[in-house]
Protein backbone atom coordinates (compact mmCIF):
# COMPACT_ATOMS: atom_id res chain seq x y z
CA MET A 1 -36.27 2.45 -16.78
CA SER A 2 -36.74 1.01 -20.24
CA ILE A 3 -34.72 -1.92 -21.58
CA LYS A 4 -33.26 0.41 -24.23
CA SER A 5 -32.03 2.84 -21.56
CA ARG A 6 -30.52 0.03 -19.51
CA LEU A 7 -28.66 -1.31 -22.54
CA PHE A 8 -27.32 2.16 -23.31
CA ILE A 9 -26.05 2.62 -19.75
CA ALA A 10 -24.48 -0.84 -19.71
CA LEU A 11 -22.74 -0.15 -23.03
CA PHE A 12 -21.47 3.21 -21.77
CA LEU A 13 -20.09 1.69 -18.57
CA SER A 14 -18.38 -1.14 -20.45
CA ILE A 15 -16.70 1.28 -22.86
CA THR A 16 -15.57 3.50 -19.99
CA SER A 17 -14.20 0.50 -18.11
CA PHE A 18 -12.42 -0.77 -21.25
CA ASN A 19 -10.79 2.59 -21.88
CA HIS A 20 -9.66 2.81 -18.26
CA ILE A 21 -8.10 -0.65 -18.27
CA PHE A 22 -6.26 -0.10 -21.54
CA SER A 23 -5.38 3.57 -21.06
CA ILE A 24 -1.75 4.38 -21.72
CA ALA A 25 0.28 6.33 -19.20
CA ASP A 26 1.77 9.67 -20.09
CA TRP A 27 5.30 8.61 -19.10
CA THR A 28 7.35 5.48 -18.57
CA ILE A 29 10.55 6.32 -16.72
CA LEU A 30 13.22 3.63 -16.47
CA ILE A 31 16.02 4.26 -14.00
CA TYR A 32 18.84 1.86 -14.85
CA VAL A 33 20.73 1.58 -11.57
CA GLN A 34 24.23 0.12 -11.61
CA ALA A 35 24.93 0.07 -7.87
CA LYS A 36 27.59 -2.62 -7.61
CA ASN A 37 30.00 0.02 -6.39
CA ASN A 38 30.50 2.57 -3.62
CA LEU A 39 27.16 4.25 -4.38
CA SER A 40 25.00 1.29 -3.40
CA ARG A 41 23.49 2.81 -0.25
CA PHE A 42 22.50 5.94 -2.17
CA ALA A 43 20.67 3.85 -4.74
CA THR A 44 18.44 2.52 -1.99
CA GLN A 45 17.83 6.03 -0.69
CA ASN A 46 16.90 7.27 -4.18
CA LEU A 47 14.43 4.41 -4.59
CA TYR A 48 12.89 5.26 -1.23
CA SER A 49 12.36 8.82 -2.46
CA MET A 50 10.73 7.58 -5.68
CA ALA A 51 8.35 5.40 -3.69
CA LYS A 52 7.09 8.38 -1.72
CA ILE A 53 5.16 9.11 -4.93
CA GLY A 54 5.05 5.82 -6.82
CA SER A 55 3.54 4.83 -10.15
CA ASN A 56 -0.03 5.65 -11.10
CA ASN A 57 -2.25 5.64 -14.20
CA ASN A 58 -0.27 8.59 -15.53
CA LEU A 59 3.25 7.54 -14.61
CA ASN A 60 5.23 4.29 -14.68
CA ILE A 61 8.34 4.39 -12.46
CA LEU A 62 10.54 1.38 -13.17
CA VAL A 63 13.99 0.37 -11.97
CA GLN A 64 16.51 -2.23 -13.07
CA TRP A 65 18.74 -2.48 -10.02
CA TYR A 66 22.18 -4.10 -9.84
CA GLN A 67 23.04 -4.57 -6.17
CA PRO A 68 26.18 -5.70 -4.33
CA GLY A 69 26.14 -9.41 -3.63
CA LYS A 70 23.08 -10.00 -5.81
CA ASP A 71 23.48 -12.01 -9.00
CA GLY A 72 21.05 -11.92 -11.92
CA VAL A 73 18.72 -9.19 -13.12
CA TRP A 74 16.31 -7.54 -10.66
CA ARG A 75 13.51 -5.40 -12.06
CA TYR A 76 11.16 -3.36 -9.91
CA GLN A 77 7.98 -1.37 -10.25
CA ILE A 78 7.98 1.58 -7.87
CA LEU A 79 4.56 1.90 -6.24
CA LYS A 80 3.31 4.22 -3.53
CA ASP A 81 5.28 3.25 -0.38
CA GLU A 82 6.44 0.02 -1.99
CA ILE A 83 9.32 -1.17 -4.14
CA LYS A 84 7.72 -4.17 -5.82
CA LEU A 85 9.75 -6.90 -7.48
CA ASP A 86 8.43 -7.27 -11.03
CA THR A 87 10.92 -9.70 -12.55
CA TYR A 88 13.95 -11.67 -11.44
CA LEU A 89 16.12 -13.28 -14.13
CA PRO A 90 18.74 -15.74 -12.84
CA ILE A 91 21.20 -14.96 -15.64
CA ASN A 92 24.83 -13.90 -15.76
CA SER A 93 24.55 -10.14 -16.17
CA ASP A 94 26.76 -7.40 -14.75
CA GLY A 95 24.72 -4.51 -16.15
CA THR A 96 27.54 -2.95 -18.14
CA ASN A 97 27.01 -4.26 -21.66
CA VAL A 98 24.78 -3.26 -24.55
CA LYS A 99 22.40 -6.22 -24.30
CA ASP A 100 21.70 -5.59 -20.59
CA LEU A 101 20.61 -2.03 -21.25
CA VAL A 102 18.59 -2.77 -24.39
CA ASP A 103 16.77 -5.71 -22.77
CA SER A 104 15.90 -3.55 -19.79
CA MET A 105 14.37 -0.86 -21.99
CA GLU A 106 12.45 -3.52 -23.93
CA TRP A 107 10.91 -4.80 -20.69
CA ALA A 108 9.92 -1.29 -19.64
CA VAL A 109 8.41 -0.26 -22.97
CA ASN A 110 6.54 -3.48 -23.72
CA LYS A 111 5.17 -4.22 -20.26
CA TYR A 112 4.49 -0.62 -19.25
CA PRO A 113 3.68 1.30 -22.46
CA ALA A 114 3.40 5.08 -22.39
CA LYS A 115 3.18 8.03 -24.73
CA ASN A 116 6.66 9.19 -23.69
CA ASN A 117 9.78 7.31 -22.64
CA PHE A 118 12.56 8.53 -20.35
CA LEU A 119 15.75 6.52 -19.74
CA ILE A 120 17.99 7.49 -16.82
CA LEU A 121 21.43 5.93 -16.33
CA TRP A 122 22.36 5.96 -12.64
CA ASN A 123 25.97 5.39 -11.57
CA HIS A 124 29.57 6.46 -12.16
CA GLY A 125 30.60 8.11 -15.41
CA VAL A 126 33.53 10.20 -16.55
CA GLY A 127 32.40 12.16 -19.58
CA ILE A 128 33.68 11.48 -23.06
CA ILE A 129 37.07 10.05 -22.05
CA ASP A 130 37.01 6.29 -21.47
CA PRO A 131 39.11 5.72 -18.33
CA ILE A 132 41.71 3.11 -17.56
CA TRP A 133 40.50 1.33 -14.45
CA HIS A 134 43.44 1.22 -12.06
CA ARG A 135 44.18 -2.06 -10.31
CA ARG A 136 43.43 -1.08 -6.78
CA SER A 137 40.71 -1.59 -4.24
CA GLY A 138 37.72 0.68 -4.39
CA PHE A 139 36.80 3.22 -7.01
CA GLY A 140 38.09 6.62 -6.08
CA LEU A 141 38.29 9.93 -7.84
CA GLY A 142 41.60 9.24 -9.57
CA TYR A 143 40.14 6.67 -11.96
CA GLY A 144 42.06 7.63 -15.06
CA LEU A 145 41.33 11.35 -14.63
CA GLY A 146 44.58 12.47 -13.07
CA LEU A 147 42.81 14.05 -10.09
CA SER A 148 44.10 14.17 -6.55
CA GLY A 149 42.10 14.06 -3.36
CA GLN A 150 43.42 17.50 -2.46
CA GLU A 151 42.05 18.97 -5.71
CA PHE A 152 38.62 17.51 -5.14
CA ASN A 153 38.53 18.56 -1.51
CA GLU A 154 38.60 22.16 -2.71
CA VAL A 155 34.96 21.74 -3.73
CA VAL A 156 33.80 19.22 -1.12
CA ILE A 157 32.51 20.43 2.24
CA ASN A 158 33.55 18.00 4.94
CA ASN A 159 31.24 17.17 7.82
CA GLN A 160 31.85 14.87 10.77
CA ASN A 161 28.28 13.54 10.74
CA ILE A 162 28.55 11.75 7.42
CA VAL A 163 25.56 10.68 5.38
CA GLU A 164 25.95 7.08 6.54
CA ASN A 165 24.00 8.06 9.67
CA GLN A 166 21.04 9.10 7.52
CA VAL A 167 20.76 6.25 5.02
CA ILE A 168 19.75 2.66 5.43
CA ASN A 169 22.13 0.06 6.76
CA SER A 170 23.51 -2.22 4.05
CA ASN A 171 21.86 -5.18 5.75
CA ASP A 172 18.46 -3.64 5.09
CA GLN A 173 18.98 -4.22 1.37
CA GLU A 174 17.88 -7.82 1.90
CA GLN A 175 14.26 -6.67 2.27
CA PHE A 176 13.21 -6.91 -1.36
CA PHE A 177 9.72 -8.44 -1.12
CA PRO A 178 8.61 -5.65 -0.84
CA ILE A 179 10.59 -2.79 0.71
CA LYS A 180 8.38 -0.47 2.73
CA ILE A 181 9.24 3.19 3.15
CA ASP A 182 10.61 4.72 6.34
CA ASP A 183 9.13 8.24 6.68
CA GLU A 184 11.73 9.42 9.18
CA LEU A 185 14.56 8.27 6.92
CA THR A 186 13.34 10.17 3.89
CA GLN A 187 12.51 13.26 5.95
CA ALA A 188 15.98 13.33 7.48
CA PHE A 189 17.68 13.14 4.12
CA ASN A 190 15.48 15.74 2.47
CA ASN A 191 15.73 18.20 5.36
CA SER A 192 18.32 20.76 4.26
CA GLN A 193 19.72 21.31 7.77
CA ASP A 194 20.39 17.57 8.10
CA PHE A 195 21.80 17.22 4.59
CA ASP A 196 25.42 16.14 4.63
CA TYR A 197 28.07 16.72 2.03
CA LEU A 198 29.86 13.68 0.82
CA THR A 199 33.36 12.37 1.23
CA LEU A 200 35.97 12.06 -1.47
CA ASN A 201 34.99 8.67 -2.84
CA GLN A 202 31.24 9.35 -2.81
CA HIS A 203 30.89 11.14 -6.12
CA ARG A 204 29.18 10.01 -9.29
CA GLY A 205 30.27 9.68 -12.68
CA ILE A 206 28.41 5.89 -16.04
CA LEU A 207 27.71 2.23 -15.32
CA PHE A 208 30.85 1.12 -13.44
CA ASN A 209 30.60 -2.29 -11.77
CA GLU A 210 33.21 -2.76 -9.03
CA GLN A 211 32.54 -6.51 -8.77
CA SER A 212 33.30 -7.30 -12.42
CA ARG A 213 35.52 -4.20 -12.86
CA SER A 214 33.75 -3.32 -16.09
CA TYR A 215 31.83 -0.37 -17.49
CA LEU A 216 29.88 0.74 -20.56
CA ASN A 217 32.18 2.80 -22.77
CA ASN A 218 30.97 5.54 -25.09
CA GLU A 219 31.07 3.37 -28.20
CA GLU A 220 28.87 0.78 -26.46
CA LEU A 221 26.53 3.50 -25.23
CA LEU A 222 26.04 4.64 -28.82
CA GLU A 223 25.24 1.07 -29.90
CA ALA A 224 22.74 0.65 -27.05
CA LEU A 225 20.92 3.86 -27.95
CA LYS A 226 20.85 2.80 -31.59
CA GLN A 227 19.32 -0.59 -30.76
CA ILE A 228 16.76 0.97 -28.41
CA LYS A 229 15.56 3.25 -31.19
CA GLU A 230 15.54 0.65 -33.96
CA ASN A 231 14.48 -2.52 -32.14
CA VAL A 232 12.62 -1.39 -29.02
CA LEU A 233 10.95 1.89 -29.99
CA LYS A 234 10.51 0.84 -33.65
CA GLY A 235 12.18 3.90 -35.10
CA LYS A 236 11.07 6.42 -32.46
CA GLN A 237 13.51 8.36 -30.33
CA LEU A 238 13.67 8.37 -26.56
CA ASP A 239 11.92 11.49 -25.39
CA ILE A 240 14.59 12.13 -22.78
CA PHE A 241 17.97 10.54 -22.10
CA GLY A 242 19.16 11.35 -18.60
CA MET A 243 22.37 10.59 -16.73
CA ASP A 244 22.35 10.79 -12.96
CA ALA A 245 26.13 10.81 -13.04
CA CYS A 246 29.21 13.03 -13.13
CA LEU A 247 30.62 15.09 -15.96
CA MET A 248 28.27 13.89 -18.71
CA SER A 249 26.81 17.15 -20.03
CA MET A 250 29.26 17.40 -22.90
CA ILE A 251 28.73 18.21 -26.53
CA GLU A 252 30.54 14.97 -27.39
CA ILE A 253 28.04 12.90 -25.36
CA GLY A 254 25.06 14.84 -26.69
CA TYR A 255 26.32 14.53 -30.24
CA LEU A 256 26.57 10.78 -29.73
CA ALA A 257 22.96 10.63 -28.45
CA ARG A 258 21.42 12.97 -31.02
CA GLY A 259 19.03 11.18 -33.33
CA TYR A 260 18.32 8.63 -30.60
CA ALA A 261 16.84 11.00 -28.00
CA LYS A 262 15.15 14.38 -28.15
CA TYR A 263 16.56 15.85 -24.94
CA MET A 264 19.51 15.09 -22.69
CA VAL A 265 19.64 15.92 -18.98
CA SER A 266 22.99 15.70 -17.18
CA SER A 267 25.66 17.55 -15.21
CA GLN A 268 28.85 19.27 -16.36
CA GLU A 269 30.43 18.87 -12.92
CA VAL A 270 30.61 15.96 -10.50
CA GLU A 271 27.39 15.14 -8.66
CA LEU A 272 27.05 14.42 -5.00
CA ALA A 273 26.20 10.80 -4.34
CA TYR A 274 22.55 11.53 -3.55
CA GLY A 275 22.10 12.63 -7.16
CA TRP A 276 18.79 13.82 -8.56
CA ASN A 277 15.80 15.14 -6.65
CA TYR A 278 13.44 12.30 -7.59
CA LEU A 279 10.88 13.09 -4.91
CA ASP A 280 10.07 16.58 -6.16
CA LEU A 281 10.39 15.61 -9.82
CA PHE A 282 7.91 12.75 -9.57
CA THR A 283 5.60 14.81 -7.38
CA ALA A 284 5.42 17.47 -10.09
CA ILE A 285 4.60 15.05 -12.91
CA SER A 286 2.47 12.47 -11.10
CA SER A 287 -0.77 14.00 -12.36
CA GLY A 288 -1.62 15.73 -15.60
CA THR A 289 0.22 15.79 -18.91
CA THR A 290 3.86 16.79 -19.17
CA THR A 291 5.59 17.47 -22.49
CA PRO A 292 9.16 16.22 -23.03
CA ILE A 293 10.61 19.72 -22.90
CA ASP A 294 8.74 20.50 -19.68
CA MET A 295 9.91 17.22 -18.18
CA ALA A 296 13.52 18.04 -19.09
CA LYS A 297 13.17 21.52 -17.61
CA GLY A 298 11.55 20.02 -14.52
CA CYS A 299 14.60 17.83 -13.90
CA VAL A 300 16.79 20.92 -13.87
CA LEU A 301 14.42 22.97 -11.71
CA THR A 302 14.02 20.30 -9.03
CA TYR A 303 17.79 19.73 -9.01
CA HIS A 304 18.28 23.46 -8.49
CA ASN A 305 15.71 23.58 -5.69
CA PHE A 306 17.40 20.69 -3.89
CA TYR A 307 21.01 21.92 -4.03
CA GLN A 308 20.83 25.72 -4.17
CA ASN A 309 21.18 26.22 -0.40
CA LYS A 310 23.46 23.24 0.19
CA ILE A 311 26.53 23.53 -2.07
CA ASP A 312 28.03 26.01 -4.51
CA PHE A 313 29.52 23.67 -7.12
CA TYR A 314 26.48 21.93 -8.60
CA THR A 315 25.47 22.01 -12.28
CA GLN A 316 22.70 20.51 -14.36
CA SER A 317 21.35 21.25 -17.81
CA ALA A 318 18.77 20.07 -20.33
CA VAL A 319 19.87 20.06 -23.96
CA ASP A 320 17.80 19.94 -27.16
CA LEU A 321 19.82 17.35 -29.05
CA ASP A 322 18.40 18.40 -32.43
CA GLN A 323 20.35 21.65 -32.01
CA LEU A 324 23.77 20.04 -31.65
CA ASP A 325 24.44 19.80 -35.37
CA ASN A 326 24.16 23.60 -35.42
CA VAL A 327 26.61 23.83 -32.51
CA LYS A 328 29.03 21.55 -34.36
CA THR A 329 28.68 23.56 -37.59
CA SER A 330 29.44 26.72 -35.66
CA ILE A 331 32.52 25.11 -34.11
CA ASN A 332 33.75 24.21 -37.58
CA ASN A 333 33.20 27.75 -38.84
CA ILE A 334 35.06 29.20 -35.85
CA ILE A 335 38.04 26.92 -36.41
CA LEU A 336 38.13 27.80 -40.10
CA LYS A 337 38.31 31.48 -39.12
CA ILE A 338 41.03 30.71 -36.57
CA ASN A 339 43.03 28.91 -39.25
CA GLU A 340 42.68 31.92 -41.56
CA ALA A 341 43.94 34.22 -38.81
CA LYS A 342 46.87 31.87 -38.11
CA LYS A 343 48.03 32.28 -41.70
CA ILE A 344 48.46 36.00 -41.03
CA SER A 345 49.90 35.89 -37.49
CA LEU A 346 50.45 32.39 -36.16
CA SER A 347 52.12 33.34 -32.88
CA GLN A 348 49.51 35.91 -31.88
CA VAL A 349 46.61 33.57 -32.57
CA LYS A 350 48.20 30.63 -30.74
CA ASN A 351 48.92 32.85 -27.76
CA PHE A 352 45.41 34.22 -27.43
CA ILE A 353 43.93 30.72 -27.79
CA LYS A 354 46.11 29.62 -24.86
CA TYR A 355 45.02 32.59 -22.77
CA ALA A 356 41.35 31.98 -23.57
CA ARG A 357 41.63 28.29 -22.73
CA ARG A 358 43.30 28.96 -19.39
CA ALA A 359 40.70 31.58 -18.49
CA SER A 360 37.76 29.32 -19.39
CA THR A 361 35.64 27.67 -16.71
CA GLN A 362 36.89 24.14 -16.14
CA PHE A 363 35.58 21.33 -14.00
CA THR A 364 36.89 18.65 -11.64
CA ASN A 365 38.33 16.97 -14.69
CA LYS A 366 40.42 19.92 -15.78
CA SER A 367 40.39 18.78 -19.41
CA TYR A 368 36.66 19.57 -19.56
CA ILE A 369 35.71 23.23 -20.04
CA ASP A 370 32.49 25.12 -20.55
CA LEU A 371 32.29 25.79 -24.29
CA TYR A 372 30.37 29.05 -23.91
CA SER A 373 32.96 30.44 -21.49
CA PHE A 374 35.71 29.55 -23.99
CA TYR A 375 33.97 31.54 -26.70
CA PHE A 376 33.51 34.43 -24.28
CA GLU A 377 37.21 34.44 -23.38
CA LEU A 378 38.19 34.19 -27.05
CA ILE A 379 36.13 37.28 -27.83
CA LYS A 380 37.98 39.16 -25.08
CA GLN A 381 41.28 38.12 -26.63
CA VAL A 382 40.12 39.09 -30.11
CA ASP A 383 39.02 42.53 -28.89
CA GLY A 384 42.39 43.07 -27.23
CA ASN A 385 44.28 42.13 -30.38
CA LEU A 386 42.05 44.36 -32.51
CA CYS A 387 43.21 47.31 -30.43
CA LEU A 388 46.87 46.37 -30.72
CA THR A 389 47.31 45.44 -34.37
CA SER A 390 47.79 47.85 -37.24
CA ASN A 391 47.56 45.10 -39.85
CA GLN A 392 44.23 45.67 -41.60
CA LEU A 393 44.19 42.16 -43.06
CA PHE A 394 44.60 40.72 -39.57
CA LYS A 395 41.91 43.05 -38.22
CA ASN A 396 39.45 41.86 -40.84
CA SER A 397 40.28 38.26 -40.03
CA LEU A 398 39.72 38.86 -36.31
CA LEU A 399 36.42 40.61 -36.96
CA ASN A 400 35.26 37.61 -39.00
CA LEU A 401 36.31 35.32 -36.14
CA LYS A 402 34.42 37.43 -33.60
CA SER A 403 31.29 37.29 -35.75
CA GLU A 404 31.46 33.47 -35.83
CA LEU A 405 32.07 33.33 -32.07
CA LEU A 406 28.92 35.34 -31.43
CA ILE A 407 26.99 32.95 -33.68
CA GLY A 408 28.53 30.05 -31.75
CA MET A 409 27.40 31.46 -28.42
CA LYS A 410 23.89 31.86 -29.78
CA SER A 411 23.89 28.25 -31.00
CA ILE A 412 24.69 27.07 -27.46
CA GLU A 413 21.93 29.25 -26.01
CA ASN A 414 19.48 27.67 -28.47
CA ALA A 415 20.61 24.15 -27.59
CA VAL A 416 20.49 24.48 -23.79
CA VAL A 417 16.80 24.76 -22.88
CA ALA A 418 17.39 24.83 -19.11
CA LYS A 419 20.41 25.11 -16.84
CA THR A 420 21.34 25.68 -13.24
CA SER A 421 24.59 26.03 -11.33
CA GLY A 422 26.02 27.01 -7.98
CA LYS A 423 28.12 30.12 -7.42
CA LYS A 424 31.36 28.36 -8.33
CA PHE A 425 30.04 27.74 -11.85
CA ALA A 426 27.86 30.80 -12.30
CA ASN A 427 29.38 31.56 -15.72
CA THR A 428 28.68 28.16 -17.25
CA CYS A 429 26.09 27.65 -19.97
CA GLY A 430 25.33 23.93 -19.77
CA LEU A 431 27.62 22.25 -22.33
CA SER A 432 31.21 21.15 -21.77
CA ILE A 433 33.83 20.17 -24.30
CA TYR A 434 37.15 18.33 -24.07
CA PHE A 435 40.16 20.65 -24.34
CA PRO A 436 43.29 19.30 -22.61
CA THR A 437 46.34 21.44 -21.96
CA GLY A 438 48.49 18.41 -22.72
CA SER A 439 48.27 15.51 -25.14
CA VAL A 440 44.93 14.28 -26.46
CA GLU A 441 43.66 10.99 -24.98
CA GLN A 442 43.61 8.17 -27.52
CA SER A 443 40.02 7.17 -26.75
CA TYR A 444 38.90 10.66 -27.76
CA LEU A 445 40.04 10.07 -31.33
CA GLN A 446 37.37 7.39 -31.73
CA THR A 447 34.41 9.63 -30.88
CA SER A 448 31.87 10.50 -33.53
CA PHE A 449 32.15 14.20 -32.68
CA VAL A 450 35.87 14.24 -33.45
CA LYS A 451 35.33 12.36 -36.69
CA ASP A 452 32.60 14.76 -37.83
CA SER A 453 34.11 18.07 -36.70
CA LEU A 454 37.28 20.16 -36.93
CA TRP A 455 37.69 20.37 -33.15
CA LEU A 456 40.77 18.14 -33.11
CA ASP A 457 42.51 20.58 -35.46
CA LEU A 458 42.31 23.19 -32.72
CA ILE A 459 43.21 21.19 -29.61
CA LYS A 460 45.90 18.82 -30.90
CA ASP A 461 48.60 21.50 -31.10
CA ALA A 462 47.12 24.34 -29.04
CA PHE A 463 49.79 23.99 -26.36
CA VAL A 464 52.63 22.69 -28.53
């Protein structure tokens, strides 16, 4: 072989090696786990599932994990069969403030760069209403939501062999350097016939810390997303913003996140404590290229596959956040048409709004309803009134309202790119909205959606 040929081969190999070393992964996924609460054992189980696949050249799986009895910040890289400690910071951090979340995303993006970025918040969350944390031990379902155990038990299947027999013992959480994966443990939990439905206090909801009794409210969440876009991603949006938590798939939450993320993945209803199907999701994306919309759809599909034969009250949806301004505009147009109809027949319009609201699909927090189902029920009320009234002016007004409602339903269909639900919520379309049958919570008045829309005009006196 000539010297020239040898030099060419050496140059080719060096370039190939250089490109391999400095190749950028397709995805960096940061799961921000606030587990200083009654979900701690399920956090460990979720991480075990992630490590069945682990990071590779195409996928960075990263976790910032707040654990009971552990001070400081613990950051992990999830490898194949190993949960590897990447960074420990001995600082005072409870994981529920803006700086904690922004710093975590900065670590993930800078140390493990990728073409696409996916942030998942893992913990308790309660939708758009900021709760009052009651002074009591534990963190049960009644945390500022006005829910009783009896109400929640209507949708929870009890089982004597509770999940605690299938997850790791709390003492095992000491094994951080590294944690190795127990095949039998993961198999037992993922086997549908062994799957157990959770007790009253084992639901999810966003970033509640039982030790410090603090949480990240919606205003702080907005600030964190803003700083991540401006300071961490240098003006780019998150590709996906996910919430492995209860009740977060609301137009108010999506409206807050729009402009800071392209897609949102979350649930309208409460989640069981096991949460997302990380094993199947990461299996599907571990090789090859996955677009943001396909990733978002994959979250919903794997969630569906995991729960479809286990419970009948699950929900999950993926929302194109760029479409939410259209949904808001449609809401405004509908309310303008309602106001016009009220000027002609106030009592009739108020009555059919009440009927439509009561007939709408609502969730464990009964102030949250499926927006699409509300439009559907309103159309039924409009059609009924069209048959009864002889007032042509009122008929024309109702026809205009119906036209806007149909546009509104289409705007929701365009925004929700994927959805799934159990039989109990078969009529849902993936986006909830706050519509109480009593007084409006004060924290709701501070939301950006309320400030930018006419929604409050409808709900503030709907039942007065």
